[in-house]
């Protein structure tokens, strides 16, 4: 199981094996959030391991 922490502090468990699966599972758009594991920025192709803790952080832009 993967531990998923959201920006609002909510924590959930997920059985996703890749970041791409995580996007699909939570219905997230790749360009609206970033996913980090520790201090490592993950791409949609990165694999997730049992026990990983990842944070989903919204991307903020403005102009």
C-alpha atoms as a PDB file:
ATOM      1  CA  UNK A   1       0.000   0.000   0.000  1.00  0.00           C
ATOM      2  CA  UNK A   2       1.066   3.535  -0.790  1.00  0.00           C
ATOM      3  CA  UNK A   3       0.430   6.341   1.683  1.00  0.00           C
ATOM      4  CA  UNK A   4      -0.914   9.399  -0.138  1.00  0.00           C
ATOM      5  CA  UNK A   5      -0.946  12.808   1.541  1.00  0.00           C
ATOM      6  CA  UNK A   6      -2.874  15.694   0.028  1.00  0.00           C
ATOM      7  CA  UNK A   7      -2.190  19.416   0.471  1.00  0.00           C
ATOM      8  CA  UNK A   8      -5.217  19.735   2.768  1.00  0.00           C
ATOM      9  CA  UNK A   9      -3.634  17.211   5.158  1.00  0.00           C
ATOM     10  CA  UNK A  10      -5.930  14.343   4.175  1.00  0.00           C
ATOM     11  CA  UNK A  11      -4.139  10.987   4.118  1.00  0.00           C
ATOM     12  CA  UNK A  12      -5.314   7.931   2.199  1.00  0.00           C
ATOM     13  CA  UNK A  13      -4.019   4.527   1.222  1.00  0.00           C
ATOM     14  CA  UNK A  14      -3.726   3.382  -2.386  1.00  0.00           C
ATOM     15  CA  UNK A  15      -2.566   0.218  -4.150  1.00  0.00           C
ATOM     16  CA  UNK A  16      -1.239   2.099  -7.192  1.00  0.00           C
ATOM     17  CA  UNK A  17       2.002   0.794  -8.714  1.00  0.00           C
ATOM     18  CA  UNK A  18       2.888   3.887 -10.773  1.00  0.00           C
ATOM     19  CA  UNK A  19       2.325   7.626 -10.556  1.00  0.00           C
ATOM     20  CA  UNK A  20       0.224   7.350 -13.727  1.00  0.00           C
ATOM     21  CA  UNK A  21      -2.115   4.927 -11.922  1.00  0.00           C
ATOM     22  CA  UNK A  22      -2.265   7.394  -9.011  1.00  0.00           C
ATOM     23  CA  UNK A  23      -3.448  10.137 -11.389  1.00  0.00           C
ATOM     24  CA  UNK A  24      -6.166   7.858 -12.757  1.00  0.00           C
ATOM     25  CA  UNK A  25      -7.231   6.536  -9.332  1.00  0.00           C
ATOM     26  CA  UNK A  26      -7.750  10.038  -7.913  1.00  0.00           C
ATOM     27  CA  UNK A  27      -8.915  11.533 -11.235  1.00  0.00           C
ATOM     28  CA  UNK A  28      -6.072  14.077 -11.273  1.00  0.00           C
ATOM     29  CA  UNK A  29      -4.739  16.001 -14.262  1.00  0.00           C
ATOM     30  CA  UNK A  30      -0.991  15.670 -14.775  1.00  0.00           C
ATOM     31  CA  UNK A  31      -0.546  19.416 -15.291  1.00  0.00           C
ATOM     32  CA  UNK A  32      -2.519  20.444 -12.184  1.00  0.00           C
ATOM     33  CA  UNK A  33      -0.471  18.693  -9.469  1.00  0.00           C
ATOM     34  CA  UNK A  34       3.012  17.462  -8.714  1.00  0.00           C
ATOM     35  CA  UNK A  35       3.788  14.252  -6.867  1.00  0.00           C
ATOM     36  CA  UNK A  36       6.789  14.028  -4.544  1.00  0.00           C
ATOM     37  CA  UNK A  37       8.330  11.181  -2.572  1.00  0.00           C
ATOM     38  CA  UNK A  38      10.550  12.601   0.143  1.00  0.00           C
ATOM     39  CA  UNK A  39      12.455  15.318  -1.720  1.00  0.00           C
ATOM     40  CA  UNK A  40      12.154  13.604  -5.121  1.00  0.00           C
ATOM     41  CA  UNK A  41       9.812  14.986  -7.777  1.00  0.00           C
ATOM     42  CA  UNK A  42       8.112  12.065  -9.535  1.00  0.00           C
ATOM     43  CA  UNK A  43       6.975  11.747 -13.148  1.00  0.00           C
ATOM     44  CA  UNK A  44       3.983   9.711 -14.304  1.00  0.00           C
ATOM     45  CA  UNK A  45       6.320   6.881 -15.360  1.00  0.00           C
ATOM     46  CA  UNK A  46       7.899   6.458 -11.909  1.00  0.00           C
ATOM     47  CA  UNK A  47       7.087   3.248 -10.066  1.00  0.00           C
ATOM     48  CA  UNK A  48       5.751   3.247  -6.525  1.00  0.00           C
ATOM     49  CA  UNK A  49       6.771   0.654  -3.933  1.00  0.00           C
ATOM     50  CA  UNK A  50       4.839  -0.800  -1.043  1.00  0.00           C
ATOM     51  CA  UNK A  51       5.280   1.519   1.934  1.00  0.00           C
ATOM     52  CA  UNK A  52       6.090   4.627  -0.134  1.00  0.00           C
ATOM     53  CA  UNK A  53       4.697   7.906   1.167  1.00  0.00           C
ATOM     54  CA  UNK A  54       3.914  10.463  -1.521  1.00  0.00           C
ATOM     55  CA  UNK A  55       2.524  13.982  -1.391  1.00  0.00           C
ATOM     56  CA  UNK A  56       0.184  15.407  -3.992  1.00  0.00           C
ATOM     57  CA  UNK A  57       0.717  19.157  -4.270  1.00  0.00           C
ATOM     58  CA  UNK A  58      -1.420  21.450  -6.442  1.00  0.00           C
ATOM     59  CA  UNK A  59       0.399  23.591  -8.990  1.00  0.00           C
ATOM     60  CA  UNK A  60      -0.378  27.275  -8.594  1.00  0.00           C
ATOM     61  CA  UNK A  61       0.131  29.687 -11.446  1.00  0.00           C
ATOM     62  CA  UNK A  62      -0.803  33.230 -12.006  1.00  0.00           C
ATOM     63  CA  UNK A  63      -0.012  36.174 -14.081  1.00  0.00           C
END
